[in-house]
Amino acid sequence: MSLLYFLLIGLAAGFIAGKVMRGAGFGLLGNLLVGIVGALIGGFLFGLLGLHAYGLIGNLVTATLGAIILLWIAAKAKK
């Protein structure tokens, strides 16, 4: 069940980050990958800051912020 939960959070986070950063999504698999990697980045960064996310909303915020950071870095590297 936790894998399904992680994938659903990743999908939602990738979708939200795609809307915030570029105005459009990347398709189902693209959003899922961006969200999963974003969740890992967000969890790592929150851990460095001593912050912990609890519950659905906390995990979604963490994953979304990580995905936004990932897309921002990708946009800077592309230039």
PDB file of N, CA and C in Angstrom:
ATOM      1  N   MET A   1       0.815  -1.197   0.000  1.00  0.00           N
ATOM      2  CA  MET A   1       0.000   0.000   0.000  1.00  0.00           C
ATOM      3  C   MET A   1       0.856   1.258   0.000  1.00  0.00           C
ATOM      4  N   SER A   2       1.985   1.227   0.689  1.00  0.00           N
ATOM      5  CA  SER A   2       2.815   2.429   0.751  1.00  0.00           C
ATOM      6  C   SER A   2       3.444   2.754  -0.606  1.00  0.00           C
ATOM      7  N   LEU A   3       3.726   1.749  -1.424  1.00  0.00           N
ATOM      8  CA  LEU A   3       4.259   2.020  -2.761  1.00  0.00           C
ATOM      9  C   LEU A   3       3.211   2.732  -3.613  1.00  0.00           C
ATOM     10  N   LEU A   4       1.979   2.285  -3.547  1.00  0.00           N
ATOM     11  CA  LEU A   4       0.898   2.939  -4.283  1.00  0.00           C
ATOM     12  C   LEU A   4       0.713   4.378  -3.795  1.00  0.00           C
ATOM     13  N   TYR A   5       0.765   4.572  -2.493  1.00  0.00           N
ATOM     14  CA  TYR A   5       0.655   5.910  -1.893  1.00  0.00           C
ATOM     15  C   TYR A   5       1.787   6.808  -2.402  1.00  0.00           C
ATOM     16  N   PHE A   6       3.014   6.285  -2.412  1.00  0.00           N
ATOM     17  CA  PHE A   6       4.181   7.033  -2.883  1.00  0.00           C
ATOM     18  C   PHE A   6       4.019   7.411  -4.355  1.00  0.00           C
ATOM     19  N   LEU A   7       3.539   6.491  -5.171  1.00  0.00           N
ATOM     20  CA  LEU A   7       3.349   6.763  -6.593  1.00  0.00           C
ATOM     21  C   LEU A   7       2.253   7.800  -6.829  1.00  0.00           C
ATOM     22  N   LEU A   8       1.171   7.724  -6.074  1.00  0.00           N
ATOM     23  CA  LEU A   8       0.097   8.695  -6.231  1.00  0.00           C
ATOM     24  C   LEU A   8       0.535  10.092  -5.796  1.00  0.00           C
ATOM     25  N   ILE A   9       1.285  10.181  -4.703  1.00  0.00           N
ATOM     26  CA  ILE A   9       1.827  11.471  -4.265  1.00  0.00           C
ATOM     27  C   ILE A   9       2.791  12.007  -5.324  1.00  0.00           C
ATOM     28  N   GLY A  10       3.646  11.139  -5.862  1.00  0.00           N
ATOM     29  CA  GLY A  10       4.586  11.550  -6.907  1.00  0.00           C
ATOM     30  C   GLY A  10       3.886  12.053  -8.152  1.00  0.00           C
ATOM     31  N   LEU A  11       2.826  11.383  -8.546  1.00  0.00           N
ATOM     32  CA  LEU A  11       2.060  11.803  -9.718  1.00  0.00           C
ATOM     33  C   LEU A  11       1.430  13.174  -9.496  1.00  0.00           C
ATOM     34  N   ALA A  12       0.823  13.364  -8.341  1.00  0.00           N
ATOM     35  CA  ALA A  12       0.190  14.651  -8.037  1.00  0.00           C
ATOM     36  C   ALA A  12       1.236  15.761  -7.935  1.00  0.00           C
ATOM     37  N   ALA A  13       2.355  15.471  -7.284  1.00  0.00           N
ATOM     38  CA  ALA A  13       3.407  16.480  -7.137  1.00  0.00           C
ATOM     39  C   ALA A  13       4.008  16.858  -8.482  1.00  0.00           C
ATOM     40  N   GLY A  14       4.239  15.886  -9.347  1.00  0.00           N
ATOM     41  CA  GLY A  14       4.764  16.173 -10.678  1.00  0.00           C
ATOM     42  C   GLY A  14       3.798  17.006 -11.498  1.00  0.00           C
ATOM     43  N   PHE A  15       2.516  16.716 -11.378  1.00  0.00           N
ATOM     44  CA  PHE A  15       1.501  17.490 -12.090  1.00  0.00           C
ATOM     45  C   PHE A  15       1.483  18.939 -11.608  1.00  0.00           C
ATOM     46  N   ILE A  16       1.477  19.120 -10.293  1.00  0.00           N
ATOM     47  CA  ILE A  16       1.449  20.475  -9.722  1.00  0.00           C
ATOM     48  C   ILE A  16       2.713  21.238 -10.099  1.00  0.00           C
ATOM     49  N   ALA A  17       3.872  20.595  -9.984  1.00  0.00           N
ATOM     50  CA  ALA A  17       5.130  21.260 -10.324  1.00  0.00           C
ATOM     51  C   ALA A  17       5.172  21.626 -11.804  1.00  0.00           C
ATOM     52  N   GLY A  18       4.668  20.755 -12.659  1.00  0.00           N
ATOM     53  CA  GLY A  18       4.617  21.052 -14.093  1.00  0.00           C
ATOM     54  C   GLY A  18       3.759  22.265 -14.379  1.00  0.00           C
ATOM     55  N   LYS A  19       2.644  22.399 -13.664  1.00  0.00           N
ATOM     56  CA  LYS A  19       1.775  23.564 -13.842  1.00  0.00           C
ATOM     57  C   LYS A  19       2.437  24.836 -13.323  1.00  0.00           C
ATOM     58  N   VAL A  20       3.133  24.734 -12.191  1.00  0.00           N
ATOM     59  CA  VAL A  20       3.770  25.910 -11.593  1.00  0.00           C
ATOM     60  C   VAL A  20       4.953  26.385 -12.429  1.00  0.00           C
ATOM     61  N   MET A  21       5.781  25.472 -12.887  1.00  0.00           N
ATOM     62  CA  MET A  21       7.029  25.855 -13.547  1.00  0.00           C
ATOM     63  C   MET A  21       6.907  26.092 -15.049  1.00  0.00           C
ATOM     64  N   ARG A  22       6.070  25.380 -15.727  1.00  0.00           N
ATOM     65  CA  ARG A  22       6.025  25.502 -17.179  1.00  0.00           C
ATOM     66  C   ARG A  22       4.645  25.779 -17.722  1.00  0.00           C
ATOM     67  N   GLY A  23       3.638  25.636 -16.912  1.00  0.00           N
ATOM     68  CA  GLY A  23       2.289  25.878 -17.369  1.00  0.00           C
ATOM     69  C   GLY A  23       1.631  24.680 -18.020  1.00  0.00           C
ATOM     70  N   ALA A  24       2.347  23.553 -18.136  1.00  0.00           N
ATOM     71  CA  ALA A  24       1.769  22.353 -18.726  1.00  0.00           C
ATOM     72  C   ALA A  24       2.441  21.130 -18.128  1.00  0.00           C
ATOM     73  N   GLY A  25       1.748  20.018 -18.125  1.00  0.00           N
ATOM     74  CA  GLY A  25       2.298  18.783 -17.585  1.00  0.00           C
ATOM     75  C   GLY A  25       3.199  18.086 -18.600  1.00  0.00           C
ATOM     76  N   PHE A  26       3.737  16.960 -18.186  1.00  0.00           N
ATOM     77  CA  PHE A  26       4.652  16.191 -19.026  1.00  0.00           C
ATOM     78  C   PHE A  26       4.069  14.837 -19.386  1.00  0.00           C
ATOM     79  N   GLY A  27       2.777  14.675 -19.249  1.00  0.00           N
ATOM     80  CA  GLY A  27       2.164  13.381 -19.469  1.00  0.00           C
ATOM     81  C   GLY A  27       2.211  12.559 -18.196  1.00  0.00           C
ATOM     82  N   LEU A  28       1.536  11.455 -18.191  1.00  0.00           N
ATOM     83  CA  LEU A  28       1.410  10.638 -16.988  1.00  0.00           C
ATOM     84  C   LEU A  28       2.763  10.153 -16.480  1.00  0.00           C
ATOM     85  N   LEU A  29       3.564   9.552 -17.338  1.00  0.00           N
ATOM     86  CA  LEU A  29       4.860   9.018 -16.897  1.00  0.00           C
ATOM     87  C   LEU A  29       5.850  10.124 -16.561  1.00  0.00           C
ATOM     88  N   GLY A  30       5.851  11.196 -17.329  1.00  0.00           N
ATOM     89  CA  GLY A  30       6.747  12.317 -17.040  1.00  0.00           C
ATOM     90  C   GLY A  30       6.433  12.953 -15.707  1.00  0.00           C
ATOM     91  N   ASN A  31       5.151  13.184 -15.433  1.00  0.00           N
ATOM     92  CA  ASN A  31       4.754  13.744 -14.149  1.00  0.00           C
ATOM     93  C   ASN A  31       5.118  12.813 -12.998  1.00  0.00           C
ATOM     94  N   LEU A  32       4.929  11.515 -13.206  1.00  0.00           N
ATOM     95  CA  LEU A  32       5.247  10.545 -12.179  1.00  0.00           C
ATOM     96  C   LEU A  32       6.735  10.552 -11.864  1.00  0.00           C
ATOM     97  N   LEU A  33       7.574  10.557 -12.893  1.00  0.00           N
ATOM     98  CA  LEU A  33       9.020  10.568 -12.675  1.00  0.00           C
ATOM     99  C   LEU A  33       9.495  11.859 -12.008  1.00  0.00           C
ATOM    100  N   VAL A  34       8.980  12.988 -12.465  1.00  0.00           N
ATOM    101  CA  VAL A  34       9.344  14.266 -11.859  1.00  0.00           C
ATOM    102  C   VAL A  34       8.903  14.294 -10.396  1.00  0.00           C
ATOM    103  N   GLY A  35       7.714  13.804 -10.118  1.00  0.00           N
ATOM    104  CA  GLY A  35       7.211  13.791  -8.754  1.00  0.00           C
ATOM    105  C   GLY A  35       7.984  12.861  -7.841  1.00  0.00           C
ATOM    106  N   ILE A  36       8.361  11.683  -8.327  1.00  0.00           N
ATOM    107  CA  ILE A  36       9.116  10.733  -7.502  1.00  0.00           C
ATOM    108  C   ILE A  36      10.502  11.276  -7.191  1.00  0.00           C
ATOM    109  N   VAL A  37      11.194  11.762  -8.201  1.00  0.00           N
ATOM    110  CA  VAL A  37      12.516  12.342  -7.961  1.00  0.00           C
ATOM    111  C   VAL A  37      12.392  13.593  -7.082  1.00  0.00           C
ATOM    112  N   GLY A  38      11.345  14.369  -7.315  1.00  0.00           N
ATOM    113  CA  GLY A  38      11.089  15.542  -6.490  1.00  0.00           C
ATOM    114  C   GLY A  38      10.829  15.177  -5.040  1.00  0.00           C
ATOM    115  N   ALA A  39      10.124  14.080  -4.810  1.00  0.00           N
ATOM    116  CA  ALA A  39       9.877  13.627  -3.442  1.00  0.00           C
ATOM    117  C   ALA A  39      11.181  13.261  -2.753  1.00  0.00           C
ATOM    118  N   LEU A  40      12.075  12.624  -3.480  1.00  0.00           N
ATOM    119  CA  LEU A  40      13.370  12.277  -2.901  1.00  0.00           C
ATOM    120  C   LEU A  40      14.193  13.532  -2.595  1.00  0.00           C
ATOM    121  N   ILE A  41      14.209  14.468  -3.526  1.00  0.00           N
ATOM    122  CA  ILE A  41      14.940  15.720  -3.325  1.00  0.00           C
ATOM    123  C   ILE A  41      14.328  16.506  -2.173  1.00  0.00           C
ATOM    124  N   GLY A  42      13.005  16.636  -2.168  1.00  0.00           N
ATOM    125  CA  GLY A  42      12.328  17.370  -1.112  1.00  0.00           C
ATOM    126  C   GLY A  42      12.550  16.749   0.250  1.00  0.00           C
ATOM    127  N   GLY A  43      12.459  15.432   0.333  1.00  0.00           N
ATOM    128  CA  GLY A  43      12.714  14.736   1.599  1.00  0.00           C
ATOM    129  C   GLY A  43      14.136  14.941   2.083  1.00  0.00           C
ATOM    130  N   PHE A  44      15.087  14.897   1.167  1.00  0.00           N
ATOM    131  CA  PHE A  44      16.487  15.119   1.522  1.00  0.00           C
ATOM    132  C   PHE A  44      16.706  16.546   2.038  1.00  0.00           C
ATOM    133  N   LEU A  45      16.177  17.522   1.305  1.00  0.00           N
ATOM    134  CA  LEU A  45      16.359  18.920   1.705  1.00  0.00           C
ATOM    135  C   LEU A  45      15.640  19.248   3.014  1.00  0.00           C
ATOM    136  N   PHE A  46      14.421  18.715   3.173  1.00  0.00           N
ATOM    137  CA  PHE A  46      13.705  18.942   4.433  1.00  0.00           C
ATOM    138  C   PHE A  46      14.472  18.316   5.591  1.00  0.00           C
ATOM    139  N   GLY A  47      15.069  17.140   5.364  1.00  0.00           N
ATOM    140  CA  GLY A  47      15.871  16.486   6.396  1.00  0.00           C
ATOM    141  C   GLY A  47      17.090  17.313   6.785  1.00  0.00           C
ATOM    142  N   LEU A  48      17.728  17.933   5.802  1.00  0.00           N
ATOM    143  CA  LEU A  48      18.874  18.796   6.097  1.00  0.00           C
ATOM    144  C   LEU A  48      18.475  19.993   6.950  1.00  0.00           C
ATOM    145  N   LEU A  49      17.258  20.471   6.732  1.00  0.00           N
ATOM    146  CA  LEU A  49      16.760  21.620   7.486  1.00  0.00           C
ATOM    147  C   LEU A  49      16.132  21.221   8.814  1.00  0.00           C
ATOM    148  N   GLY A  50      16.038  19.924   9.073  1.00  0.00           N
ATOM    149  CA  GLY A  50      15.441  19.449  10.312  1.00  0.00           C
ATOM    150  C   GLY A  50      13.926  19.479  10.308  1.00  0.00           C
ATOM    151  N   LEU A  51      13.323  19.519   9.134  1.00  0.00           N
ATOM    152  CA  LEU A  51      11.866  19.550   9.006  1.00  0.00           C
ATOM    153  C   LEU A  51      11.355  18.151   8.675  1.00  0.00           C
ATOM    154  N   HIS A  52      10.149  17.859   9.128  1.00  0.00           N
ATOM    155  CA  HIS A  52       9.535  16.568   8.842  1.00  0.00           C
ATOM    156  C   HIS A  52       8.104  16.789   8.383  1.00  0.00           C
ATOM    157  N   ALA A  53       7.714  16.067   7.354  1.00  0.00           N
ATOM    158  CA  ALA A  53       6.357  16.178   6.817  1.00  0.00           C
ATOM    159  C   ALA A  53       5.525  15.016   7.341  1.00  0.00           C
ATOM    160  N   TYR A  54       4.312  15.321   7.768  1.00  0.00           N
ATOM    161  CA  TYR A  54       3.405  14.298   8.266  1.00  0.00           C
ATOM    162  C   TYR A  54       2.094  14.372   7.507  1.00  0.00           C
ATOM    163  N   GLY A  55       1.552  13.234   7.202  1.00  0.00           N
ATOM    164  CA  GLY A  55       0.251  13.171   6.561  1.00  0.00           C
ATOM    165  C   GLY A  55       0.309  13.401   5.069  1.00  0.00           C
ATOM    166  N   LEU A  56      -0.843  13.344   4.484  1.00  0.00           N
ATOM    167  CA  LEU A  56      -0.976  13.487   3.035  1.00  0.00           C
ATOM    168  C   LEU A  56      -0.527  14.856   2.548  1.00  0.00           C
ATOM    169  N   ILE A  57      -0.995  15.900   3.201  1.00  0.00           N
ATOM    170  CA  ILE A  57      -0.669  17.259   2.767  1.00  0.00           C
ATOM    171  C   ILE A  57       0.826  17.531   2.936  1.00  0.00           C
ATOM    172  N   GLY A  58       1.402  17.123   4.040  1.00  0.00           N
ATOM    173  CA  GLY A  58       2.834  17.325   4.267  1.00  0.00           C
ATOM    174  C   GLY A  58       3.689  16.628   3.234  1.00  0.00           C
ATOM    175  N   ASN A  59       3.333  15.385   2.926  1.00  0.00           N
ATOM    176  CA  ASN A  59       4.080  14.644   1.904  1.00  0.00           C
ATOM    177  C   ASN A  59       3.905  15.258   0.522  1.00  0.00           C
ATOM    178  N   LEU A  60       2.720  15.730   0.225  1.00  0.00           N
ATOM    179  CA  LEU A  60       2.476  16.364  -1.070  1.00  0.00           C
ATOM    180  C   LEU A  60       3.257  17.667  -1.200  1.00  0.00           C
ATOM    181  N   VAL A  61       3.297  18.460  -0.145  1.00  0.00           N
ATOM    182  CA  VAL A  61       4.060  19.714  -0.166  1.00  0.00           C
ATOM    183  C   VAL A  61       5.550  19.423  -0.342  1.00  0.00           C
ATOM    184  N   THR A  62       6.058  18.452   0.405  1.00  0.00           N
ATOM    185  CA  THR A  62       7.476  18.087   0.297  1.00  0.00           C
ATOM    186  C   THR A  62       7.823  17.642  -1.115  1.00  0.00           C
ATOM    187  N   ALA A  63       7.023  16.753  -1.672  1.00  0.00           N
ATOM    188  CA  ALA A  63       7.286  16.243  -3.024  1.00  0.00           C
ATOM    189  C   ALA A  63       7.148  17.339  -4.072  1.00  0.00           C
ATOM    190  N   THR A  64       6.164  18.215  -3.909  1.00  0.00           N
ATOM    191  CA  THR A  64       5.957  19.286  -4.875  1.00  0.00           C
ATOM    192  C   THR A  64       7.108  20.281  -4.850  1.00  0.00           C
ATOM    193  N   LEU A  65       7.547  20.660  -3.668  1.00  0.00           N
ATOM    194  CA  LEU A  65       8.684  21.586  -3.580  1.00  0.00           C
ATOM    195  C   LEU A  65       9.953  20.963  -4.168  1.00  0.00           C
ATOM    196  N   GLY A  66      10.165  19.697  -3.902  1.00  0.00           N
ATOM    197  CA  GLY A  66      11.304  19.004  -4.497  1.00  0.00           C
ATOM    198  C   GLY A  66      11.216  18.939  -6.005  1.00  0.00           C
ATOM    199  N   ALA A  67      10.015  18.687  -6.531  1.00  0.00           N
ATOM    200  CA  ALA A  67       9.826  18.635  -7.981  1.00  0.00           C
ATOM    201  C   ALA A  67      10.022  20.009  -8.617  1.00  0.00           C
ATOM    202  N   ILE A  68       9.569  21.058  -7.948  1.00  0.00           N
ATOM    203  CA  ILE A  68       9.783  22.420  -8.455  1.00  0.00           C
ATOM    204  C   ILE A  68      11.274  22.735  -8.499  1.00  0.00           C
ATOM    205  N   ILE A  69      11.998  22.360  -7.461  1.00  0.00           N
ATOM    206  CA  ILE A  69      13.451  22.574  -7.442  1.00  0.00           C
ATOM    207  C   ILE A  69      14.109  21.795  -8.572  1.00  0.00           C
ATOM    208  N   LEU A  70      13.676  20.558  -8.780  1.00  0.00           N
ATOM    209  CA  LEU A  70      14.219  19.736  -9.868  1.00  0.00           C
ATOM    210  C   LEU A  70      13.972  20.393 -11.227  1.00  0.00           C
ATOM    211  N   LEU A  71      12.776  20.888 -11.458  1.00  0.00           N
ATOM    212  CA  LEU A  71      12.472  21.537 -12.736  1.00  0.00           C
ATOM    213  C   LEU A  71      13.234  22.842 -12.895  1.00  0.00           C
ATOM    214  N   TRP A  72      13.431  23.564 -11.810  1.00  0.00           N
ATOM    215  CA  TRP A  72      14.196  24.810 -11.860  1.00  0.00           C
ATOM    216  C   TRP A  72      15.654  24.523 -12.229  1.00  0.00           C
ATOM    217  N   ILE A  73      16.234  23.494 -11.611  1.00  0.00           N
ATOM    218  CA  ILE A  73      17.624  23.113 -11.920  1.00  0.00           C
ATOM    219  C   ILE A  73      17.728  22.652 -13.372  1.00  0.00           C
ATOM    220  N   ALA A  74      16.756  21.878 -13.825  1.00  0.00           N
ATOM    221  CA  ALA A  74      16.767  21.406 -15.214  1.00  0.00           C
ATOM    222  C   ALA A  74      16.663  22.566 -16.194  1.00  0.00           C
ATOM    223  N   ALA A  75      15.857  23.559 -15.866  1.00  0.00           N
ATOM    224  CA  ALA A  75      15.724  24.728 -16.751  1.00  0.00           C
ATOM    225  C   ALA A  75      17.028  25.524 -16.796  1.00  0.00           C
ATOM    226  N   LYS A  76      17.696  25.667 -15.662  1.00  0.00           N
ATOM    227  CA  LYS A  76      18.977  26.393 -15.625  1.00  0.00           C
ATOM    228  C   LYS A  76      20.057  25.626 -16.362  1.00  0.00           C
ATOM    229  N   ALA A  77      20.062  24.300 -16.237  1.00  0.00           N
ATOM    230  CA  ALA A  77      21.077  23.492 -16.913  1.00  0.00           C
ATOM    231  C   ALA A  77      20.851  23.468 -18.422  1.00  0.00           C
ATOM    232  N   LYS A  78      19.612  23.622 -18.829  1.00  0.00           N
ATOM    233  CA  LYS A  78      19.280  23.597 -20.259  1.00  0.00           C
ATOM    234  C   LYS A  78      19.785  24.848 -20.971  1.00  0.00           C
ATOM    235  N   LYS A  79      19.850  25.975 -20.250  1.00  0.00           N
ATOM    236  CA  LYS A  79      20.297  27.226 -20.852  1.00  0.00           C
ATOM    237  C   LYS A  79      21.746  27.271 -21.066  1.00  0.00           C
TER     238      LYS A  79
END
